[in-house]
Amino acid sequence: MNMNDIYIKFLECTGFTTDTRKITKGDLFFALKGDNFNANTFTEQALEKGAKYVIIDEKKYHIDDRTILVEDVLSTLQQLANYHRKQLDIIIISLTGSNGKTTTKELINVVLSKKYNTKATFGNLNNHIGVPLTLLSFNKETKIGIVEMGANHQKEIEFLCTIAEPDIGYITNFGKAHLEGFGGIEGVIKGKSELYNYLEQNKKNVIVNLDDDLQNEKTKHLKRFSFSTKKDSDVKIQSAIANPMVTIELNNLKIHSNLIGLYNSNNINAAITIGKYFEVDDSLIKEAIEAYIPSNNRSQLITKESNEIILDAYNANPTSMLAAITNFQQLDNKKKKIAILGDMFELGIESEAEHKKIINTLSKINITCFCIGANFYKSKIDSKTILFFKHFDDFSKEILATNIRLKDNLILIKGSRGMALERTLEII
């Protein structure tokens, strides 16, 4: 069966999924394989649950004309997504970067939705499976699609670009994330820049922050639409301050966001710039950004009893961790400050050195810090202000035994996703 025939069957379906638990009547089910599962084995179950068609790649699971046998289900999903993208009259905006991708994507979406029928990557479904699923969610009514692209190895962004074929791209930054997979910071820069390479080769446009010298340098020869707080640019941001929420001034219009920390200002500025690129009125840009409330443990400000809590526990790497600590230190707040920090993952051979750098930064500031995890514990030092715990349970027992420490404080909670530091909310 060729791709056009498969596409016709896709259009007959009311939806699609890769999870049998989420099948609704009329869905197309992709029987993907993983290291520890083979969804081909769920073919009969998928049909019983109401799937209209099931795409499989093992002949022994073929039942009737409702089962579509292909060479490889994942490859078919990716090819189908690209085929679908080509059928739509749509503008695709793709973004990647080490920090701030998802927040920036959400902000772009709310801004552009003020004028256009816009759809974006759901959550952080930004990999070789998530990007195709995102593209398949777009339809003829979608005018602008926003596709987040994640990667932890080189050549991944390049591959995702061949599927999504973006018209416009934005890289948030080059930071110390996924150093293990990329092979160091130079590998990060090379890997993320694959988006620039695609856009240049296809004569497409780039959104760029001129205040980031590396982004500025790498895009000088590209077609670009820029923003800056300091330099001549297409969109001039007059000022950006944070205490703790970010306020942006644009054309003498103050935009008061619900995002914490100056490190979020460029995420907002990028959304403003893309809004201006697509000629969204300043008043609507302001309205969209001011209405956006972060969720899912990303830069959330939470009040719990006598404590004010900055919850930023969705992810962490050396770049974002340092930015969060620096911003936290600078906040003008009368409450005592406490930082609760968790290990940073996927740093490979750089892990010990990067955790030591964070500890060194903490040792120079007068803030009580709880560092949790085996990586921080391995590099612990004698300190009156920094306490180290190898496991979260050790930290939890300490806090429950001495709860008075965590009353009437401004608390920063930040760590990698695997640390699940949002559990802290249950004990303070």
Protein backbone atom coordinates (compact mmCIF):
# COMPACT_ATOMS: atom_id res chain seq x y z
CA MET A 1 0.00 0.00 0.00
CA ASN A 2 1.50 3.35 -1.02
CA MET A 3 1.47 6.51 1.10
CA ASN A 4 -1.44 8.09 -0.75
CA ASP A 5 -3.59 5.03 -0.04
CA ILE A 6 -2.61 5.14 3.64
CA TYR A 7 -3.39 8.86 3.70
CA ILE A 8 -6.89 8.24 2.33
CA LYS A 9 -7.51 5.81 5.18
CA PHE A 10 -6.10 8.36 7.67
CA LEU A 11 -8.65 10.91 6.41
CA GLU A 12 -11.45 8.38 6.96
CA CYS A 13 -10.58 8.23 10.66
CA THR A 14 -11.91 10.57 13.33
CA GLY A 15 -8.61 10.64 15.22
CA PHE A 16 -5.37 8.78 15.80
CA THR A 17 -3.32 7.43 18.70
CA THR A 18 -0.33 5.31 19.66
CA ASP A 19 -1.88 4.28 23.00
CA THR A 20 -4.61 1.63 23.20
CA ARG A 21 -5.78 3.17 26.48
CA LYS A 22 -6.77 6.32 24.60
CA ILE A 23 -8.54 4.77 21.61
CA THR A 24 -11.93 6.21 20.74
CA LYS A 25 -14.29 4.93 18.06
CA GLY A 26 -13.05 5.66 14.56
CA ASP A 27 -9.37 6.16 15.46
CA LEU A 28 -6.31 5.16 13.46
CA PHE A 29 -3.96 3.21 15.75
CA PHE A 30 -0.22 3.12 15.13
CA ALA A 31 1.24 -0.11 16.56
CA LEU A 32 4.67 1.24 17.50
CA LYS A 33 7.51 -0.80 18.96
CA GLY A 34 9.84 0.15 21.76
CA ASP A 35 12.66 -1.44 23.72
CA ASN A 36 10.20 -3.05 26.11
CA PHE A 37 6.94 -3.26 24.15
CA ASN A 38 5.44 -4.28 20.82
CA ALA A 39 2.06 -2.69 20.11
CA ASN A 40 1.50 -5.11 17.23
CA THR A 41 0.36 -7.51 19.95
CA PHE A 42 -2.53 -5.13 20.77
CA THR A 43 -3.96 -5.17 17.23
CA GLU A 44 -7.06 -7.18 18.08
CA GLN A 45 -7.63 -5.22 21.26
CA ALA A 46 -7.35 -1.92 19.36
CA LEU A 47 -10.02 -3.01 16.88
CA GLU A 48 -12.29 -4.22 19.67
CA LYS A 49 -11.98 -0.81 21.33
CA GLY A 50 -13.21 0.90 18.18
CA ALA A 51 -10.15 1.63 16.06
CA LYS A 52 -11.14 1.93 12.40
CA TYR A 53 -7.69 0.91 11.18
CA VAL A 54 -4.49 -0.39 12.78
CA ILE A 55 -1.10 0.11 11.14
CA ILE A 56 1.15 -2.88 11.89
CA ASP A 57 4.54 -4.14 10.72
CA GLU A 58 4.31 -7.84 11.62
CA LYS A 59 2.36 -10.02 9.21
CA LYS A 60 1.20 -12.51 11.86
CA TYR A 61 -1.02 -9.81 13.42
CA HIS A 62 -2.87 -9.08 10.17
CA ILE A 63 -6.61 -9.72 10.69
CA ASP A 64 -8.52 -8.21 7.75
CA ASP A 65 -8.67 -5.03 5.67
CA ARG A 66 -8.78 -3.01 8.89
CA THR A 67 -5.12 -3.90 9.51
CA ILE A 68 -2.63 -2.07 7.31
CA LEU A 69 0.66 -3.94 6.99
CA VAL A 70 3.74 -1.75 6.41
CA GLU A 71 7.48 -2.33 6.59
CA ASP A 72 7.95 -0.14 9.68
CA VAL A 73 5.22 1.59 11.68
CA LEU A 74 7.41 4.41 13.03
CA SER A 75 8.75 5.27 9.59
CA THR A 76 5.20 5.19 8.21
CA LEU A 77 4.03 7.56 10.95
CA GLN A 78 6.82 9.99 10.07
CA GLN A 79 6.23 9.77 6.31
CA LEU A 80 2.48 10.15 6.76
CA ALA A 81 3.00 13.26 8.89
CA ASN A 82 5.18 14.83 6.20
CA TYR A 83 2.70 13.84 3.48
CA HIS A 84 -0.12 15.43 5.51
CA ARG A 85 1.95 18.58 6.08
CA LYS A 86 2.35 18.95 2.30
CA GLN A 87 -1.42 18.77 1.72
CA LEU A 88 -2.15 21.70 4.04
CA ASP A 89 -2.01 25.41 3.26
CA ILE A 90 -0.21 26.14 6.49
CA ILE A 91 2.76 28.07 7.89
CA ILE A 92 4.96 25.98 10.20
CA ILE A 93 6.98 27.68 12.93
CA SER A 94 9.62 25.40 14.48
CA LEU A 95 11.60 26.14 17.59
CA THR A 96 14.33 24.42 19.54
CA GLY A 97 16.97 25.37 22.10
CA SER A 98 18.42 24.25 25.39
CA ASN A 99 16.05 26.14 27.69
CA GLY A 100 12.62 27.71 27.41
CA LYS A 101 11.29 25.84 24.36
CA THR A 102 7.95 24.81 25.79
CA THR A 103 7.22 28.12 27.53
CA THR A 104 8.12 30.04 24.37
CA LYS A 105 5.96 27.72 22.27
CA GLU A 106 2.98 28.27 24.57
CA LEU A 107 3.46 32.04 24.49
CA ILE A 108 3.72 32.11 20.70
CA ASN A 109 0.55 30.07 20.51
CA VAL A 110 -1.53 32.38 22.72
CA VAL A 111 -0.26 35.47 20.89
CA LEU A 112 -0.91 34.19 17.36
CA SER A 113 -4.26 32.70 18.39
CA LYS A 114 -5.51 36.26 18.85
CA LYS A 115 -5.56 36.63 15.06
CA TYR A 116 -5.17 33.19 13.46
CA ASN A 117 -6.41 29.63 13.77
CA THR A 118 -3.30 28.30 15.45
CA LYS A 119 -2.29 24.93 16.83
CA ALA A 120 0.85 23.89 18.68
CA THR A 121 2.73 20.90 20.04
CA PHE A 122 0.82 19.47 22.98
CA GLY A 123 2.94 19.47 26.14
CA ASN A 124 6.48 18.55 25.20
CA LEU A 125 5.76 15.94 22.49
CA ASN A 126 8.79 17.17 20.61
CA ASN A 127 10.74 14.09 19.50
CA HIS A 128 10.73 11.71 16.49
CA ILE A 129 7.28 10.49 17.55
CA GLY A 130 5.84 13.67 19.04
CA VAL A 131 6.61 15.89 16.04
CA PRO A 132 4.77 13.60 13.57
CA LEU A 133 1.80 13.34 15.93
CA THR A 134 1.76 17.14 16.22
CA LEU A 135 1.73 17.54 12.44
CA LEU A 136 -1.11 15.02 12.06
CA SER A 137 -3.17 17.06 14.55
CA PHE A 138 -3.18 20.04 12.17
CA ASN A 139 -6.12 20.30 9.77
CA LYS A 140 -7.40 22.46 6.90
CA GLU A 141 -8.61 25.10 9.36
CA THR A 142 -5.13 25.44 10.91
CA LYS A 143 -3.37 28.49 9.48
CA ILE A 144 -0.24 28.43 11.63
CA GLY A 145 1.29 25.34 13.22
CA ILE A 146 3.87 25.68 16.00
CA VAL A 147 6.19 22.71 16.29
CA GLU A 148 8.56 22.31 19.22
CA MET A 149 11.66 20.22 18.44
CA GLY A 150 13.69 18.53 21.16
CA ALA A 151 16.94 16.63 20.77
CA ASN A 152 19.69 15.06 22.82
CA HIS A 153 21.93 13.98 19.93
CA GLN A 154 23.22 15.55 16.75
CA LYS A 155 21.25 14.97 13.53
CA GLU A 156 17.92 14.79 15.40
CA ILE A 157 16.87 18.36 14.61
CA GLU A 158 17.99 17.85 11.02
CA PHE A 159 15.72 14.80 10.75
CA LEU A 160 12.75 16.54 12.39
CA CYS A 161 13.10 19.41 9.91
CA THR A 162 12.71 16.98 7.01
CA ILE A 163 9.39 15.89 8.52
CA ALA A 164 7.99 19.30 9.53
CA GLU A 165 9.54 21.41 6.75
CA PRO A 166 9.36 24.65 8.77
CA ASP A 167 8.86 28.06 7.19
CA ILE A 168 10.15 30.01 10.17
CA GLY A 169 12.52 28.99 12.97
CA TYR A 170 13.66 30.19 16.36
CA ILE A 171 16.38 28.88 18.67
CA THR A 172 15.92 30.00 22.27
CA ASN A 173 19.57 29.57 23.26
CA PHE A 174 22.55 27.23 23.35
CA GLY A 175 22.96 25.94 26.90
CA LYS A 176 24.50 23.10 28.86
CA ALA A 177 21.69 20.59 28.34
CA HIS A 178 22.02 16.95 27.23
CA LEU A 179 25.80 17.28 27.25
CA GLU A 180 26.17 13.50 27.41
CA GLY A 181 24.30 12.91 24.15
CA PHE A 182 25.64 15.93 22.28
CA GLY A 183 29.23 15.41 23.41
CA GLY A 184 29.73 18.77 25.11
CA ILE A 185 28.63 22.36 24.54
CA GLU A 186 30.12 22.53 21.02
CA GLY A 187 28.00 19.52 20.15
CA VAL A 188 24.92 21.29 21.53
CA ILE A 189 25.60 24.31 19.33
CA LYS A 190 26.15 22.15 16.27
CA GLY A 191 23.06 20.03 16.93
CA LYS A 192 20.65 22.87 17.61
CA SER A 193 22.03 24.83 14.64
CA GLU A 194 20.71 22.13 12.34
CA LEU A 195 17.49 24.18 12.37
CA TYR A 196 19.41 27.17 11.01
CA ASN A 197 21.03 24.96 8.38
CA TYR A 198 17.65 23.75 7.12
CA LEU A 199 16.19 27.27 7.02
CA GLU A 200 19.20 28.63 5.18
CA GLN A 201 19.20 25.83 2.60
CA ASN A 202 15.51 26.36 1.94
CA LYS A 203 15.65 30.17 2.00
CA LYS A 204 13.30 30.42 4.97
CA ASN A 205 13.11 32.99 7.76
CA VAL A 206 14.64 33.07 11.24
CA ILE A 207 13.55 34.90 14.37
CA VAL A 208 16.66 35.92 16.31
CA ASN A 209 17.58 37.59 19.60
CA LEU A 210 20.35 40.04 18.72
CA ASP A 211 21.31 40.37 22.39
CA ASP A 212 22.57 36.78 22.25
CA ASP A 213 25.93 37.25 20.56
CA LEU A 214 26.18 33.65 19.40
CA GLN A 215 22.69 33.63 17.89
CA ASN A 216 23.44 36.97 16.25
CA GLU A 217 26.67 35.68 14.72
CA LYS A 218 25.18 32.41 13.46
CA THR A 219 22.27 34.11 11.69
CA LYS A 220 23.99 37.07 10.03
CA HIS A 221 23.75 35.43 6.60
CA LEU A 222 20.15 34.23 7.04
CA LYS A 223 16.85 35.94 6.29
CA ARG A 224 15.93 37.14 9.74
CA PHE A 225 13.47 39.16 11.79
CA SER A 226 15.07 40.32 15.02
CA PHE A 227 14.44 41.64 18.52
CA SER A 228 16.72 43.33 21.03
CA THR A 229 16.75 45.44 24.17
CA LYS A 230 20.07 47.05 23.22
CA LYS A 231 20.60 47.07 19.44
CA ASP A 232 18.84 48.24 16.32
CA SER A 233 16.35 45.51 15.48
CA ASP A 234 13.00 44.88 13.83
CA VAL A 235 11.34 44.83 17.24
CA LYS A 236 12.86 47.02 19.95
CA ILE A 237 12.07 45.94 23.49
CA GLN A 238 12.39 49.06 25.62
CA SER A 239 12.93 47.28 28.93
CA ALA A 240 12.56 43.98 30.77
CA ILE A 241 12.43 43.71 34.56
CA ALA A 242 11.47 40.95 37.00
CA ASN A 243 10.47 41.15 40.67
CA PRO A 244 9.49 38.39 40.65
CA MET A 245 7.16 38.51 37.59
CA VAL A 246 8.54 39.71 34.28
CA THR A 247 7.33 43.06 32.93
CA ILE A 248 8.18 43.99 29.35
CA GLU A 249 7.90 47.49 27.89
CA LEU A 250 7.08 47.62 24.18
CA ASN A 251 6.29 50.87 22.36
CA ASN A 252 5.55 52.52 25.73
CA LEU A 253 3.11 49.69 26.47
CA LYS A 254 3.82 47.73 29.65
CA ILE A 255 3.10 44.01 29.51
CA HIS A 256 2.83 42.39 32.95
CA SER A 257 3.36 38.65 32.65
CA ASN A 258 2.75 35.80 35.08
CA LEU A 259 6.22 34.37 34.44
CA ILE A 260 8.90 34.51 37.09
CA GLY A 261 12.52 35.46 36.51
CA LEU A 262 14.39 37.61 34.06
CA TYR A 263 15.48 34.41 32.30
CA ASN A 264 11.90 34.23 31.00
CA SER A 265 12.07 37.66 29.40
CA ASN A 266 13.49 36.41 26.10
CA ASN A 267 10.75 33.77 25.91
CA ILE A 268 8.23 36.59 26.11
CA ASN A 269 10.23 38.79 23.74
CA ALA A 270 10.31 36.02 21.13
CA ALA A 271 6.53 35.63 21.32
CA ILE A 272 6.10 39.40 21.00
CA THR A 273 8.42 39.43 17.98
CA ILE A 274 6.64 36.61 16.21
CA GLY A 275 3.35 38.35 16.96
CA LYS A 276 4.71 41.51 15.34
CA TYR A 277 6.01 39.48 12.37
CA PHE A 278 2.47 38.23 11.77
CA GLU A 279 1.02 41.72 12.37
CA VAL A 280 -0.86 41.01 15.58
CA ASP A 281 -1.85 44.30 17.26
CA ASP A 282 0.21 45.33 20.29
CA SER A 283 -2.92 45.45 22.43
CA LEU A 284 -3.75 41.84 21.55
CA ILE A 285 -0.16 40.75 22.22
CA LYS A 286 -0.38 42.35 25.65
CA GLU A 287 -3.75 40.73 26.32
CA ALA A 288 -2.49 37.28 25.34
CA ILE A 289 0.72 37.38 27.39
CA GLU A 290 -0.93 38.82 30.48
CA ALA A 291 -3.57 36.07 30.39
CA TYR A 292 -1.03 33.24 30.11
CA ILE A 293 -0.59 31.26 33.33
CA PRO A 294 2.34 28.80 33.46
CA SER A 295 1.59 25.26 34.57
CA ASN A 296 3.14 21.79 34.81
CA ASN A 297 5.80 22.83 37.36
CA ARG A 298 7.26 25.53 35.08
CA SER A 299 8.04 28.87 36.77
CA GLN A 300 4.89 28.72 38.90
CA LEU A 301 4.42 31.05 41.85
CA ILE A 302 2.54 29.24 44.59
CA THR A 303 1.45 30.47 48.01
CA LYS A 304 1.20 27.75 50.63
CA GLU A 305 0.39 28.83 54.16
CA SER A 306 3.14 31.30 55.11
CA ASN A 307 5.50 30.39 52.26
CA GLU A 308 5.80 31.81 48.76
CA ILE A 309 7.15 29.14 46.43
CA ILE A 310 8.76 29.43 43.00
CA LEU A 311 8.19 25.97 41.53
CA ASP A 312 10.43 25.32 38.53
CA ALA A 313 10.83 21.57 38.82
CA TYR A 314 10.00 20.48 35.28
CA ASN A 315 13.61 20.34 34.19
CA ALA A 316 17.10 21.60 34.96
CA ASN A 317 20.53 21.87 33.39
CA PRO A 318 23.57 23.95 34.38
CA THR A 319 22.47 26.95 32.32
CA SER A 320 18.90 27.09 33.60
CA MET A 321 19.94 26.24 37.17
CA LEU A 322 22.44 29.09 37.30
CA ALA A 323 19.90 31.50 35.79
CA ALA A 324 17.28 30.49 38.37
CA ILE A 325 19.71 30.92 41.28
CA THR A 326 20.92 34.29 40.01
CA ASN A 327 17.39 35.56 39.56
CA PHE A 328 16.34 34.22 42.97
CA GLN A 329 19.24 35.98 44.64
CA GLN A 330 18.28 39.29 43.03
CA LEU A 331 14.61 39.21 43.99
CA ASP A 332 13.57 42.04 46.28
CA ASN A 333 11.57 40.20 48.91
CA LYS A 334 11.43 40.69 52.66
CA LYS A 335 11.01 36.98 53.39
CA LYS A 336 13.98 34.74 54.12
CA LYS A 337 15.10 32.87 50.99
CA ILE A 338 15.58 29.12 50.78
CA ALA A 339 16.63 27.17 47.68
CA ILE A 340 15.75 23.49 47.26
CA LEU A 341 17.74 22.11 44.33
CA GLY A 342 17.83 18.66 42.74
CA ASP A 343 20.38 16.86 40.62
CA MET A 344 20.84 17.75 36.96
CA PHE A 345 20.80 14.74 34.62
CA GLU A 346 22.22 13.79 31.20
CA LEU A 347 25.50 15.65 31.71
CA GLY A 348 27.80 12.67 31.13
CA ILE A 349 31.44 13.21 32.04
CA GLU A 350 30.67 16.87 32.77
CA SER A 351 28.26 15.99 35.60
CA GLU A 352 30.64 16.24 38.55
CA ALA A 353 32.24 19.47 37.34
CA GLU A 354 28.88 21.13 36.63
CA HIS A 355 27.42 20.19 40.02
CA LYS A 356 30.56 21.54 41.69
CA LYS A 357 30.14 24.83 39.82
CA ILE A 358 26.59 25.19 41.15
CA ILE A 359 27.77 24.40 44.69
CA ASN A 360 30.55 26.96 44.33
CA THR A 361 27.97 29.57 43.29
CA LEU A 362 25.77 28.69 46.26
CA SER A 363 28.71 28.97 48.67
CA LYS A 364 29.14 32.63 47.73
CA ILE A 365 25.59 33.73 48.49
CA ASN A 366 23.83 34.08 51.82
CA ILE A 367 20.90 31.78 51.11
CA THR A 368 20.03 28.53 52.88
CA CYS A 369 20.20 25.73 50.29
CA PHE A 370 19.11 22.12 50.31
CA CYS A 371 20.90 20.13 47.58
CA ILE A 372 19.27 16.77 46.88
CA GLY A 373 20.54 13.84 44.85
CA ALA A 374 23.54 11.57 44.39
CA ASN A 375 25.34 14.00 42.07
CA PHE A 376 25.19 16.94 44.47
CA TYR A 377 25.98 14.63 47.40
CA LYS A 378 29.11 13.34 45.68
CA SER A 379 30.47 16.90 45.56
CA LYS A 380 29.29 18.08 48.99
CA ILE A 381 31.32 20.57 50.97
CA ASP A 382 31.36 21.71 54.59
CA SER A 383 29.01 24.66 54.73
CA LYS A 384 26.74 26.34 57.24
CA THR A 385 24.26 27.37 54.56
CA ILE A 386 24.25 24.35 52.22
CA LEU A 387 22.81 21.01 53.35
CA PHE A 388 23.23 17.87 51.24
CA PHE A 389 20.93 14.86 50.98
CA LYS A 390 21.66 11.81 48.85
CA HIS A 391 17.99 10.89 48.51
CA PHE A 392 14.72 12.81 48.57
CA ASP A 393 13.48 10.66 51.47
CA ASP A 394 16.44 11.81 53.57
CA PHE A 395 15.54 15.42 52.83
CA SER A 396 11.87 14.77 53.55
CA LYS A 397 12.61 13.27 56.97
CA GLU A 398 14.81 16.23 57.85
CA ILE A 399 12.16 18.76 56.87
CA LEU A 400 9.35 16.97 58.69
CA ALA A 401 11.50 16.81 61.82
CA THR A 402 12.44 20.51 61.66
CA ASN A 403 9.48 22.06 59.87
CA ILE A 404 10.00 25.46 61.48
CA ARG A 405 12.78 26.09 58.93
CA LEU A 406 10.28 26.23 56.12
CA LYS A 407 7.84 28.81 57.44
CA ASP A 408 7.56 32.44 56.29
CA ASN A 409 10.04 31.94 53.46
CA LEU A 410 10.46 32.61 49.77
CA ILE A 411 11.39 29.18 48.41
CA LEU A 412 12.92 28.22 45.06
CA ILE A 413 12.39 24.60 43.99
CA LYS A 414 14.34 23.49 40.91
CA GLY A 415 15.69 20.20 39.62
CA SER A 416 15.64 17.75 36.73
CA ARG A 417 12.36 16.00 35.92
CA GLY A 418 13.61 12.71 37.29
CA MET A 419 14.02 14.27 40.74
CA ALA A 420 10.27 15.07 40.95
CA LEU A 421 10.90 17.90 43.39
CA GLU A 422 7.26 18.97 43.23
CA ARG A 423 6.93 16.38 46.01
CA THR A 424 8.33 19.06 48.27
CA LEU A 425 4.94 20.79 48.23
CA GLU A 426 3.55 17.87 50.23
CA ILE A 427 5.93 18.39 53.15
CA ILE A 428 6.09 22.17 53.58
